[in-house]
mmCIF file of all heavy atoms, coordinates in Angstrom:
data_MODEL
# 
_entry.id   MODEL 
# 
loop_
_atom_site.group_PDB 
_atom_site.id 
_atom_site.type_symbol 
_atom_site.label_atom_id 
_atom_site.label_alt_id 
_atom_site.label_comp_id 
_atom_site.label_asym_id 
_atom_site.label_entity_id 
_atom_site.label_seq_id 
_atom_site.pdbx_PDB_ins_code 
_atom_site.Cartn_x 
_atom_site.Cartn_y 
_atom_site.Cartn_z 
_atom_site.occupancy 
_atom_site.B_iso_or_equiv 
_atom_site.pdbx_formal_charge 
_atom_site.auth_seq_id 
_atom_site.auth_comp_id 
_atom_site.auth_asym_id 
_atom_site.auth_atom_id 
_atom_site.pdbx_PDB_model_num 
ATOM 1   N N   . LEU A 1 1  ? -14.799 16.723 -20.133 1.00 0.00 ? 1  LEU A N   1 
ATOM 2   C CA  . LEU A 1 1  ? -14.145 16.964 -18.835 1.00 0.00 ? 1  LEU A CA  1 
ATOM 3   C C   . LEU A 1 1  ? -14.513 15.818 -17.857 1.00 0.00 ? 1  LEU A C   1 
ATOM 4   O O   . LEU A 1 1  ? -13.678 15.279 -17.161 1.00 0.00 ? 1  LEU A O   1 
ATOM 5   C CB  . LEU A 1 1  ? -14.611 18.279 -18.301 1.00 0.00 ? 1  LEU A CB  1 
ATOM 6   C CG  . LEU A 1 1  ? -14.066 18.605 -16.808 1.00 0.00 ? 1  LEU A CG  1 
ATOM 7   C CD1 . LEU A 1 1  ? -12.606 18.777 -16.810 1.00 0.00 ? 1  LEU A CD1 1 
ATOM 8   C CD2 . LEU A 1 1  ? -14.774 19.871 -16.315 1.00 0.00 ? 1  LEU A CD2 1 
ATOM 9   N N   . ILE A 1 2  ? -15.809 15.403 -17.883 1.00 0.00 ? 2  ILE A N   1 
ATOM 10  C CA  . ILE A 1 2  ? -16.270 14.462 -16.876 1.00 0.00 ? 2  ILE A CA  1 
ATOM 11  C C   . ILE A 1 2  ? -16.059 12.976 -17.315 1.00 0.00 ? 2  ILE A C   1 
ATOM 12  O O   . ILE A 1 2  ? -15.752 12.117 -16.424 1.00 0.00 ? 2  ILE A O   1 
ATOM 13  C CB  . ILE A 1 2  ? -17.783 14.639 -16.671 1.00 0.00 ? 2  ILE A CB  1 
ATOM 14  C CG1 . ILE A 1 2  ? -18.046 15.939 -15.883 1.00 0.00 ? 2  ILE A CG1 1 
ATOM 15  C CG2 . ILE A 1 2  ? -18.388 13.500 -15.874 1.00 0.00 ? 2  ILE A CG2 1 
ATOM 16  C CD1 . ILE A 1 2  ? -19.451 16.263 -15.576 1.00 0.00 ? 2  ILE A CD1 1 
ATOM 17  N N   . THR A 1 3  ? -16.000 12.662 -18.562 1.00 0.00 ? 3  THR A N   1 
ATOM 18  C CA  . THR A 1 3  ? -15.829 11.299 -19.006 1.00 0.00 ? 3  THR A CA  1 
ATOM 19  C C   . THR A 1 3  ? -14.553 10.639 -18.486 1.00 0.00 ? 3  THR A C   1 
ATOM 20  O O   . THR A 1 3  ? -14.663 9.515  -17.973 1.00 0.00 ? 3  THR A O   1 
ATOM 21  C CB  . THR A 1 3  ? -15.868 11.183 -20.561 1.00 0.00 ? 3  THR A CB  1 
ATOM 22  O OG1 . THR A 1 3  ? -17.115 11.692 -21.011 1.00 0.00 ? 3  THR A OG1 1 
ATOM 23  C CG2 . THR A 1 3  ? -15.643 9.800  -21.032 1.00 0.00 ? 3  THR A CG2 1 
ATOM 24  N N   . PRO A 1 4  ? -13.379 11.273 -18.503 1.00 0.00 ? 4  PRO A N   1 
ATOM 25  C CA  . PRO A 1 4  ? -12.214 10.572 -17.939 1.00 0.00 ? 4  PRO A CA  1 
ATOM 26  C C   . PRO A 1 4  ? -12.369 10.342 -16.451 1.00 0.00 ? 4  PRO A C   1 
ATOM 27  O O   . PRO A 1 4  ? -11.813 9.336  -15.888 1.00 0.00 ? 4  PRO A O   1 
ATOM 28  C CB  . PRO A 1 4  ? -11.068 11.599 -18.223 1.00 0.00 ? 4  PRO A CB  1 
ATOM 29  C CG  . PRO A 1 4  ? -11.520 12.387 -19.341 1.00 0.00 ? 4  PRO A CG  1 
ATOM 30  C CD  . PRO A 1 4  ? -12.996 12.560 -19.120 1.00 0.00 ? 4  PRO A CD  1 
ATOM 31  N N   . VAL A 1 5  ? -12.980 11.286 -15.758 1.00 0.00 ? 5  VAL A N   1 
ATOM 32  C CA  . VAL A 1 5  ? -13.293 11.060 -14.284 1.00 0.00 ? 5  VAL A CA  1 
ATOM 33  C C   . VAL A 1 5  ? -14.153 9.837  -14.075 1.00 0.00 ? 5  VAL A C   1 
ATOM 34  O O   . VAL A 1 5  ? -13.907 9.029  -13.175 1.00 0.00 ? 5  VAL A O   1 
ATOM 35  C CB  . VAL A 1 5  ? -13.912 12.306 -13.633 1.00 0.00 ? 5  VAL A CB  1 
ATOM 36  C CG1 . VAL A 1 5  ? -14.132 12.107 -12.165 1.00 0.00 ? 5  VAL A CG1 1 
ATOM 37  C CG2 . VAL A 1 5  ? -12.999 13.533 -13.875 1.00 0.00 ? 5  VAL A CG2 1 
ATOM 38  N N   . LEU A 1 6  ? -15.167 9.721  -14.873 1.00 0.00 ? 6  LEU A N   1 
ATOM 39  C CA  . LEU A 1 6  ? -16.115 8.475  -14.763 1.00 0.00 ? 6  LEU A CA  1 
ATOM 40  C C   . LEU A 1 6  ? -15.302 7.232  -15.057 1.00 0.00 ? 6  LEU A C   1 
ATOM 41  O O   . LEU A 1 6  ? -15.506 6.201  -14.428 1.00 0.00 ? 6  LEU A O   1 
ATOM 42  C CB  . LEU A 1 6  ? -17.265 8.675  -15.722 1.00 0.00 ? 6  LEU A CB  1 
ATOM 43  C CG  . LEU A 1 6  ? -18.194 9.844  -15.447 1.00 0.00 ? 6  LEU A CG  1 
ATOM 44  C CD1 . LEU A 1 6  ? -19.321 9.922  -16.463 1.00 0.00 ? 6  LEU A CD1 1 
ATOM 45  C CD2 . LEU A 1 6  ? -18.728 9.875  -14.015 1.00 0.00 ? 6  LEU A CD2 1 
ATOM 46  N N   . ASP A 1 7  ? -14.431 7.276  -16.079 1.00 0.00 ? 7  ASP A N   1 
ATOM 47  C CA  . ASP A 1 7  ? -13.604 6.127  -16.405 1.00 0.00 ? 7  ASP A CA  1 
ATOM 48  C C   . ASP A 1 7  ? -12.735 5.698  -15.230 1.00 0.00 ? 7  ASP A C   1 
ATOM 49  O O   . ASP A 1 7  ? -12.633 4.545  -14.888 1.00 0.00 ? 7  ASP A O   1 
ATOM 50  C CB  . ASP A 1 7  ? -12.764 6.362  -17.564 1.00 0.00 ? 7  ASP A CB  1 
ATOM 51  C CG  . ASP A 1 7  ? -13.500 6.635  -18.920 1.00 0.00 ? 7  ASP A CG  1 
ATOM 52  O OD1 . ASP A 1 7  ? -14.653 6.152  -18.948 1.00 0.00 ? 7  ASP A OD1 1 
ATOM 53  O OD2 . ASP A 1 7  ? -12.980 7.237  -19.793 1.00 0.00 ? 7  ASP A OD2 1 
ATOM 54  N N   . PHE A 1 8  ? -12.154 6.729  -14.571 1.00 0.00 ? 8  PHE A N   1 
ATOM 55  C CA  . PHE A 1 8  ? -11.320 6.507  -13.391 1.00 0.00 ? 8  PHE A CA  1 
ATOM 56  C C   . PHE A 1 8  ? -12.216 5.845  -12.262 1.00 0.00 ? 8  PHE A C   1 
ATOM 57  O O   . PHE A 1 8  ? -11.762 4.831  -11.633 1.00 0.00 ? 8  PHE A O   1 
ATOM 58  C CB  . PHE A 1 8  ? -10.710 7.767  -12.930 1.00 0.00 ? 8  PHE A CB  1 
ATOM 59  C CG  . PHE A 1 8  ? -9.832  7.576  -11.690 1.00 0.00 ? 8  PHE A CG  1 
ATOM 60  C CD1 . PHE A 1 8  ? -8.537  7.270  -11.750 1.00 0.00 ? 8  PHE A CD1 1 
ATOM 61  C CD2 . PHE A 1 8  ? -10.438 7.862  -10.398 1.00 0.00 ? 8  PHE A CD2 1 
ATOM 62  C CE1 . PHE A 1 8  ? -7.811  7.174  -10.545 1.00 0.00 ? 8  PHE A CE1 1 
ATOM 63  C CE2 . PHE A 1 8  ? -9.715  7.714  -9.325  1.00 0.00 ? 8  PHE A CE2 1 
ATOM 64  C CZ  . PHE A 1 8  ? -8.340  7.391  -9.321  1.00 0.00 ? 8  PHE A CZ  1 
ATOM 65  N N   . MET A 1 9  ? -13.409 6.392  -12.062 1.00 0.00 ? 9  MET A N   1 
ATOM 66  C CA  . MET A 1 9  ? -14.246 5.951  -10.992 1.00 0.00 ? 9  MET A CA  1 
ATOM 67  C C   . MET A 1 9  ? -14.678 4.488  -11.140 1.00 0.00 ? 9  MET A C   1 
ATOM 68  O O   . MET A 1 9  ? -14.799 3.735  -10.204 1.00 0.00 ? 9  MET A O   1 
ATOM 69  C CB  . MET A 1 9  ? -15.455 6.864  -10.832 1.00 0.00 ? 9  MET A CB  1 
ATOM 70  C CG  . MET A 1 9  ? -15.177 8.250  -10.355 1.00 0.00 ? 9  MET A CG  1 
ATOM 71  S SD  . MET A 1 9  ? -16.493 9.377  -10.611 1.00 0.00 ? 9  MET A SD  1 
ATOM 72  C CE  . MET A 1 9  ? -17.760 8.692  -9.479  1.00 0.00 ? 9  MET A CE  1 
ATOM 73  N N   . GLN A 1 10 ? -14.933 4.068  -12.453 1.00 0.00 ? 10 GLN A N   1 
ATOM 74  C CA  . GLN A 1 10 ? -15.428 2.779  -12.660 1.00 0.00 ? 10 GLN A CA  1 
ATOM 75  C C   . GLN A 1 10 ? -14.291 1.759  -12.804 1.00 0.00 ? 10 GLN A C   1 
ATOM 76  O O   . GLN A 1 10 ? -14.605 0.552  -12.496 1.00 0.00 ? 10 GLN A O   1 
ATOM 77  C CB  . GLN A 1 10 ? -16.211 2.782  -13.977 1.00 0.00 ? 10 GLN A CB  1 
ATOM 78  C CG  . GLN A 1 10 ? -17.639 3.358  -13.865 1.00 0.00 ? 10 GLN A CG  1 
ATOM 79  C CD  . GLN A 1 10 ? -18.502 3.130  -15.080 1.00 0.00 ? 10 GLN A CD  1 
ATOM 80  O OE1 . GLN A 1 10 ? -18.248 3.722  -16.101 1.00 0.00 ? 10 GLN A OE1 1 
ATOM 81  N NE2 . GLN A 1 10 ? -19.510 2.262  -14.925 1.00 0.00 ? 10 GLN A NE2 1 
ATOM 82  N N   . THR A 1 11 ? -13.153 2.102  -13.221 1.00 0.00 ? 11 THR A N   1 
ATOM 83  C CA  . THR A 1 11 ? -12.059 1.110  -13.469 1.00 0.00 ? 11 THR A CA  1 
ATOM 84  C C   . THR A 1 11 ? -11.184 0.911  -12.213 1.00 0.00 ? 11 THR A C   1 
ATOM 85  O O   . THR A 1 11 ? -10.520 -0.123 -12.129 1.00 0.00 ? 11 THR A O   1 
ATOM 86  C CB  . THR A 1 11 ? -11.198 1.485  -14.623 1.00 0.00 ? 11 THR A CB  1 
ATOM 87  O OG1 . THR A 1 11 ? -10.702 2.806  -14.425 1.00 0.00 ? 11 THR A OG1 1 
ATOM 88  C CG2 . THR A 1 11 ? -12.019 1.499  -15.917 1.00 0.00 ? 11 THR A CG2 1 
ATOM 89  N N   . MET A 1 12 ? -11.146 1.824  -11.289 1.00 0.00 ? 12 MET A N   1 
ATOM 90  C CA  . MET A 1 12 ? -10.346 1.708  -10.072 1.00 0.00 ? 12 MET A CA  1 
ATOM 91  C C   . MET A 1 12 ? -10.953 0.523  -9.305  1.00 0.00 ? 12 MET A C   1 
ATOM 92  O O   . MET A 1 12 ? -12.163 0.466  -9.123  1.00 0.00 ? 12 MET A O   1 
ATOM 93  C CB  . MET A 1 12 ? -10.400 2.973  -9.254  1.00 0.00 ? 12 MET A CB  1 
ATOM 94  C CG  . MET A 1 12 ? -9.618  2.892  -7.904  1.00 0.00 ? 12 MET A CG  1 
ATOM 95  S SD  . MET A 1 12 ? -7.833  2.679  -8.140  1.00 0.00 ? 12 MET A SD  1 
ATOM 96  C CE  . MET A 1 12 ? -7.332  4.277  -8.764  1.00 0.00 ? 12 MET A CE  1 
ATOM 97  N N   . PRO A 1 13 ? -10.148 -0.416 -8.814  1.00 0.00 ? 13 PRO A N   1 
ATOM 98  C CA  . PRO A 1 13 ? -10.634 -1.568 -8.071  1.00 0.00 ? 13 PRO A CA  1 
ATOM 99  C C   . PRO A 1 13 ? -11.477 -1.032 -6.776  1.00 0.00 ? 13 PRO A C   1 
ATOM 100 O O   . PRO A 1 13 ? -11.044 -0.088 -6.108  1.00 0.00 ? 13 PRO A O   1 
ATOM 101 C CB  . PRO A 1 13 ? -9.417  -2.302 -7.608  1.00 0.00 ? 13 PRO A CB  1 
ATOM 102 C CG  . PRO A 1 13 ? -8.413  -1.952 -8.627  1.00 0.00 ? 13 PRO A CG  1 
ATOM 103 C CD  . PRO A 1 13 ? -8.714  -0.564 -9.081  1.00 0.00 ? 13 PRO A CD  1 
ATOM 104 N N   . ALA A 1 14 ? -12.592 -1.684 -6.595  1.00 0.00 ? 14 ALA A N   1 
ATOM 105 C CA  . ALA A 1 14 ? -13.479 -1.208 -5.535  1.00 0.00 ? 14 ALA A CA  1 
ATOM 106 C C   . ALA A 1 14 ? -12.802 -1.197 -4.163  1.00 0.00 ? 14 ALA A C   1 
ATOM 107 O O   . ALA A 1 14 ? -13.116 -0.304 -3.348  1.00 0.00 ? 14 ALA A O   1 
ATOM 108 C CB  . ALA A 1 14 ? -14.710 -2.158 -5.468  1.00 0.00 ? 14 ALA A CB  1 
ATOM 109 N N   . PHE A 1 15 ? -11.867 -2.130 -3.886  1.00 0.00 ? 15 PHE A N   1 
ATOM 110 C CA  . PHE A 1 15 ? -11.272 -2.175 -2.548  1.00 0.00 ? 15 PHE A CA  1 
ATOM 111 C C   . PHE A 1 15 ? -10.446 -0.899 -2.264  1.00 0.00 ? 15 PHE A C   1 
ATOM 112 O O   . PHE A 1 15 ? -10.309 -0.507 -1.120  1.00 0.00 ? 15 PHE A O   1 
ATOM 113 C CB  . PHE A 1 15 ? -10.387 -3.416 -2.473  1.00 0.00 ? 15 PHE A CB  1 
ATOM 114 C CG  . PHE A 1 15 ? -11.111 -4.679 -2.421  1.00 0.00 ? 15 PHE A CG  1 
ATOM 115 C CD1 . PHE A 1 15 ? -11.345 -5.395 -3.597  1.00 0.00 ? 15 PHE A CD1 1 
ATOM 116 C CD2 . PHE A 1 15 ? -11.568 -5.190 -1.264  1.00 0.00 ? 15 PHE A CD2 1 
ATOM 117 C CE1 . PHE A 1 15 ? -12.027 -6.558 -3.541  1.00 0.00 ? 15 PHE A CE1 1 
ATOM 118 C CE2 . PHE A 1 15 ? -12.223 -6.408 -1.165  1.00 0.00 ? 15 PHE A CE2 1 
ATOM 119 C CZ  . PHE A 1 15 ? -12.490 -7.138 -2.319  1.00 0.00 ? 15 PHE A CZ  1 
ATOM 120 N N   . VAL A 1 16 ? -9.950  -0.254 -3.372  1.00 0.00 ? 16 VAL A N   1 
ATOM 121 C CA  . VAL A 1 16 ? -9.104  0.898  -3.108  1.00 0.00 ? 16 VAL A CA  1 
ATOM 122 C C   . VAL A 1 16 ? -9.898  2.048  -2.509  1.00 0.00 ? 16 VAL A C   1 
ATOM 123 O O   . VAL A 1 16 ? -9.318  2.822  -1.721  1.00 0.00 ? 16 VAL A O   1 
ATOM 124 C CB  . VAL A 1 16 ? -8.465  1.322  -4.532  1.00 0.00 ? 16 VAL A CB  1 
ATOM 125 C CG1 . VAL A 1 16 ? -7.660  2.591  -4.304  1.00 0.00 ? 16 VAL A CG1 1 
ATOM 126 C CG2 . VAL A 1 16 ? -7.605  0.250  -5.078  1.00 0.00 ? 16 VAL A CG2 1 
ATOM 127 N N   . TYR A 1 17 ? -11.164 2.167  -2.784  1.00 0.00 ? 17 TYR A N   1 
ATOM 128 C CA  . TYR A 1 17 ? -11.999 3.228  -2.301  1.00 0.00 ? 17 TYR A CA  1 
ATOM 129 C C   . TYR A 1 17 ? -12.128 3.172  -0.739  1.00 0.00 ? 17 TYR A C   1 
ATOM 130 O O   . TYR A 1 17 ? -12.452 4.164  -0.102  1.00 0.00 ? 17 TYR A O   1 
ATOM 131 C CB  . TYR A 1 17 ? -13.373 3.284  -2.962  1.00 0.00 ? 17 TYR A CB  1 
ATOM 132 C CG  . TYR A 1 17 ? -13.301 3.653  -4.439  1.00 0.00 ? 17 TYR A CG  1 
ATOM 133 C CD1 . TYR A 1 17 ? -13.880 2.887  -5.380  1.00 0.00 ? 17 TYR A CD1 1 
ATOM 134 C CD2 . TYR A 1 17 ? -12.690 4.777  -4.861  1.00 0.00 ? 17 TYR A CD2 1 
ATOM 135 C CE1 . TYR A 1 17 ? -13.875 3.160  -6.713  1.00 0.00 ? 17 TYR A CE1 1 
ATOM 136 C CE2 . TYR A 1 17 ? -12.664 5.126  -6.217  1.00 0.00 ? 17 TYR A CE2 1 
ATOM 137 C CZ  . TYR A 1 17 ? -13.213 4.290  -7.094  1.00 0.00 ? 17 TYR A CZ  1 
ATOM 138 O OH  . TYR A 1 17 ? -13.196 4.673  -8.419  1.00 0.00 ? 17 TYR A OH  1 
ATOM 139 N N   . LEU A 1 18 ? -11.970 1.928  -0.207  1.00 0.00 ? 18 LEU A N   1 
ATOM 140 C CA  . LEU A 1 18 ? -12.152 1.793  1.191   1.00 0.00 ? 18 LEU A CA  1 
ATOM 141 C C   . LEU A 1 18 ? -11.055 2.477  1.986   1.00 0.00 ? 18 LEU A C   1 
ATOM 142 O O   . LEU A 1 18 ? -11.340 2.850  3.130   1.00 0.00 ? 18 LEU A O   1 
ATOM 143 C CB  . LEU A 1 18 ? -12.248 0.274  1.526   1.00 0.00 ? 18 LEU A CB  1 
ATOM 144 C CG  . LEU A 1 18 ? -13.335 -0.535 0.819   1.00 0.00 ? 18 LEU A CG  1 
ATOM 145 C CD1 . LEU A 1 18 ? -13.221 -2.017 1.324   1.00 0.00 ? 18 LEU A CD1 1 
ATOM 146 C CD2 . LEU A 1 18 ? -14.702 0.013  1.125   1.00 0.00 ? 18 LEU A CD2 1 
ATOM 147 N N   . ILE A 1 19 ? -9.874  2.582  1.360   1.00 0.00 ? 19 ILE A N   1 
ATOM 148 C CA  . ILE A 1 19 ? -8.740  3.075  2.158   1.00 0.00 ? 19 ILE A CA  1 
ATOM 149 C C   . ILE A 1 19 ? -8.896  4.526  2.551   1.00 0.00 ? 19 ILE A C   1 
ATOM 150 O O   . ILE A 1 19 ? -8.893  4.891  3.733   1.00 0.00 ? 19 ILE A O   1 
ATOM 151 C CB  . ILE A 1 19 ? -7.431  2.859  1.373   1.00 0.00 ? 19 ILE A CB  1 
ATOM 152 C CG1 . ILE A 1 19 ? -7.264  1.395  1.068   1.00 0.00 ? 19 ILE A CG1 1 
ATOM 153 C CG2 . ILE A 1 19 ? -6.253  3.400  2.210   1.00 0.00 ? 19 ILE A CG2 1 
ATOM 154 C CD1 . ILE A 1 19 ? -6.094  1.115  0.084   1.00 0.00 ? 19 ILE A CD1 1 
ATOM 155 N N   . PRO A 1 20 ? -9.147  5.469  1.582   1.00 0.00 ? 20 PRO A N   1 
ATOM 156 C CA  . PRO A 1 20 ? -9.398  6.865  1.962   1.00 0.00 ? 20 PRO A CA  1 
ATOM 157 C C   . PRO A 1 20 ? -10.656 7.084  2.689   1.00 0.00 ? 20 PRO A C   1 
ATOM 158 O O   . PRO A 1 20 ? -10.764 7.924  3.577   1.00 0.00 ? 20 PRO A O   1 
ATOM 159 C CB  . PRO A 1 20 ? -9.390  7.588  0.610   1.00 0.00 ? 20 PRO A CB  1 
ATOM 160 C CG  . PRO A 1 20 ? -9.707  6.546  -0.431  1.00 0.00 ? 20 PRO A CG  1 
ATOM 161 C CD  . PRO A 1 20 ? -9.129  5.322  0.104   1.00 0.00 ? 20 PRO A CD  1 
ATOM 162 N N   . ALA A 1 21 ? -11.678 6.211  2.408   1.00 0.00 ? 21 ALA A N   1 
ATOM 163 C CA  . ALA A 1 21 ? -12.967 6.372  3.120   1.00 0.00 ? 21 ALA A CA  1 
ATOM 164 C C   . ALA A 1 21 ? -12.778 6.135  4.565   1.00 0.00 ? 21 ALA A C   1 
ATOM 165 O O   . ALA A 1 21 ? -13.404 6.839  5.406   1.00 0.00 ? 21 ALA A O   1 
ATOM 166 C CB  . ALA A 1 21 ? -13.916 5.331  2.521   1.00 0.00 ? 21 ALA A CB  1 
ATOM 167 N N   . VAL A 1 22 ? -11.915 5.240  4.998   1.00 0.00 ? 22 VAL A N   1 
ATOM 168 C CA  . VAL A 1 22 ? -11.675 4.950  6.392   1.00 0.00 ? 22 VAL A CA  1 
ATOM 169 C C   . VAL A 1 22 ? -10.961 6.142  7.024   1.00 0.00 ? 22 VAL A C   1 
ATOM 170 O O   . VAL A 1 22 ? -11.316 6.578  8.170   1.00 0.00 ? 22 VAL A O   1 
ATOM 171 C CB  . VAL A 1 22 ? -10.861 3.656  6.574   1.00 0.00 ? 22 VAL A CB  1 
ATOM 172 C CG1 . VAL A 1 22 ? -10.278 3.565  8.004   1.00 0.00 ? 22 VAL A CG1 1 
ATOM 173 C CG2 . VAL A 1 22 ? -11.662 2.467  6.280   1.00 0.00 ? 22 VAL A CG2 1 
ATOM 174 N N   . PHE A 1 23 ? -10.001 6.713  6.306   1.00 0.00 ? 23 PHE A N   1 
ATOM 175 C CA  . PHE A 1 23 ? -9.201  7.874  6.853   1.00 0.00 ? 23 PHE A CA  1 
ATOM 176 C C   . PHE A 1 23 ? -10.116 9.059  7.048   1.00 0.00 ? 23 PHE A C   1 
ATOM 177 O O   . PHE A 1 23 ? -10.085 9.774  8.102   1.00 0.00 ? 23 PHE A O   1 
ATOM 178 C CB  . PHE A 1 23 ? -8.056  8.223  5.955   1.00 0.00 ? 23 PHE A CB  1 
ATOM 179 C CG  . PHE A 1 23 ? -6.862  7.360  6.154   1.00 0.00 ? 23 PHE A CG  1 
ATOM 180 C CD1 . PHE A 1 23 ? -6.531  6.429  5.217   1.00 0.00 ? 23 PHE A CD1 1 
ATOM 181 C CD2 . PHE A 1 23 ? -6.054  7.583  7.219   1.00 0.00 ? 23 PHE A CD2 1 
ATOM 182 C CE1 . PHE A 1 23 ? -5.380  5.597  5.433   1.00 0.00 ? 23 PHE A CE1 1 
ATOM 183 C CE2 . PHE A 1 23 ? -4.915  6.851  7.399   1.00 0.00 ? 23 PHE A CE2 1 
ATOM 184 C CZ  . PHE A 1 23 ? -4.587  5.787  6.509   1.00 0.00 ? 23 PHE A CZ  1 
ATOM 185 N N   . PHE A 1 24 ? -11.050 9.322  6.125   1.00 0.00 ? 24 PHE A N   1 
ATOM 186 C CA  . PHE A 1 24 ? -11.929 10.485 6.195   1.00 0.00 ? 24 PHE A CA  1 
ATOM 187 C C   . PHE A 1 24 ? -13.137 10.291 7.070   1.00 0.00 ? 24 PHE A C   1 
ATOM 188 O O   . PHE A 1 24 ? -13.612 11.246 7.700   1.00 0.00 ? 24 PHE A O   1 
ATOM 189 C CB  . PHE A 1 24 ? -12.340 10.905 4.774   1.00 0.00 ? 24 PHE A CB  1 
ATOM 190 C CG  . PHE A 1 24 ? -11.206 11.268 3.885   1.00 0.00 ? 24 PHE A CG  1 
ATOM 191 C CD1 . PHE A 1 24 ? -11.318 10.998 2.508   1.00 0.00 ? 24 PHE A CD1 1 
ATOM 192 C CD2 . PHE A 1 24 ? -10.079 11.890 4.347   1.00 0.00 ? 24 PHE A CD2 1 
ATOM 193 C CE1 . PHE A 1 24 ? -10.286 11.318 1.653   1.00 0.00 ? 24 PHE A CE1 1 
ATOM 194 C CE2 . PHE A 1 24 ? -9.008  12.210 3.469   1.00 0.00 ? 24 PHE A CE2 1 
ATOM 195 C CZ  . PHE A 1 24 ? -9.102  11.914 2.140   1.00 0.00 ? 24 PHE A CZ  1 
ATOM 196 N N   . PHE A 1 25 ? -13.652 9.123  7.123   1.00 0.00 ? 25 PHE A N   1 
ATOM 197 C CA  . PHE A 1 25 ? -14.964 8.867  7.836   1.00 0.00 ? 25 PHE A CA  1 
ATOM 198 C C   . PHE A 1 25 ? -14.887 7.684  8.845   1.00 0.00 ? 25 PHE A C   1 
ATOM 199 O O   . PHE A 1 25 ? -15.937 7.313  9.375   1.00 0.00 ? 25 PHE A O   1 
ATOM 200 C CB  . PHE A 1 25 ? -16.037 8.553  6.828   1.00 0.00 ? 25 PHE A CB  1 
ATOM 201 C CG  . PHE A 1 25 ? -16.261 9.626  5.759   1.00 0.00 ? 25 PHE A CG  1 
ATOM 202 C CD1 . PHE A 1 25 ? -15.673 9.529  4.546   1.00 0.00 ? 25 PHE A CD1 1 
ATOM 203 C CD2 . PHE A 1 25 ? -16.984 10.731 6.084   1.00 0.00 ? 25 PHE A CD2 1 
ATOM 204 C CE1 . PHE A 1 25 ? -15.834 10.525 3.602   1.00 0.00 ? 25 PHE A CE1 1 
ATOM 205 C CE2 . PHE A 1 25 ? -17.219 11.761 5.096   1.00 0.00 ? 25 PHE A CE2 1 
ATOM 206 C CZ  . PHE A 1 25 ? -16.609 11.582 3.887   1.00 0.00 ? 25 PHE A CZ  1 
ATOM 207 N N   . SER A 1 26 ? -13.658 7.192  9.147   1.00 0.00 ? 26 SER A N   1 
ATOM 208 C CA  . SER A 1 26 ? -13.453 6.122  10.104  1.00 0.00 ? 26 SER A CA  1 
ATOM 209 C C   . SER A 1 26 ? -14.238 4.882  9.686   1.00 0.00 ? 26 SER A C   1 
ATOM 210 O O   . SER A 1 26 ? -14.351 4.630  8.493   1.00 0.00 ? 26 SER A O   1 
ATOM 211 C CB  . SER A 1 26 ? -13.903 6.630  11.496  1.00 0.00 ? 26 SER A CB  1 
ATOM 212 O OG  . SER A 1 26 ? -13.448 5.734  12.450  1.00 0.00 ? 26 SER A OG  1 
ATOM 213 N N   . LEU A 1 27 ? -14.831 4.140  10.655  1.00 0.00 ? 27 LEU A N   1 
ATOM 214 C CA  . LEU A 1 27 ? -15.438 2.848  10.404  1.00 0.00 ? 27 LEU A CA  1 
ATOM 215 C C   . LEU A 1 27 ? -16.954 3.040  10.342  1.00 0.00 ? 27 LEU A C   1 
ATOM 216 O O   . LEU A 1 27 ? -17.510 4.088  10.780  1.00 0.00 ? 27 LEU A O   1 
ATOM 217 C CB  . LEU A 1 27 ? -15.095 1.851  11.436  1.00 0.00 ? 27 LEU A CB  1 
ATOM 218 C CG  . LEU A 1 27 ? -13.561 1.517  11.598  1.00 0.00 ? 27 LEU A CG  1 
ATOM 219 C CD1 . LEU A 1 27 ? -13.404 0.459  12.681  1.00 0.00 ? 27 LEU A CD1 1 
ATOM 220 C CD2 . LEU A 1 27 ? -12.991 1.092  10.314  1.00 0.00 ? 27 LEU A CD2 1 
# 
């Protein structure tokens, strides 16, 4: 169950995580 989630977390470009992070937690 967890392995595909970990694959997603590691292969998604790092910059993409900044977008929702800004919406949920601002700057």
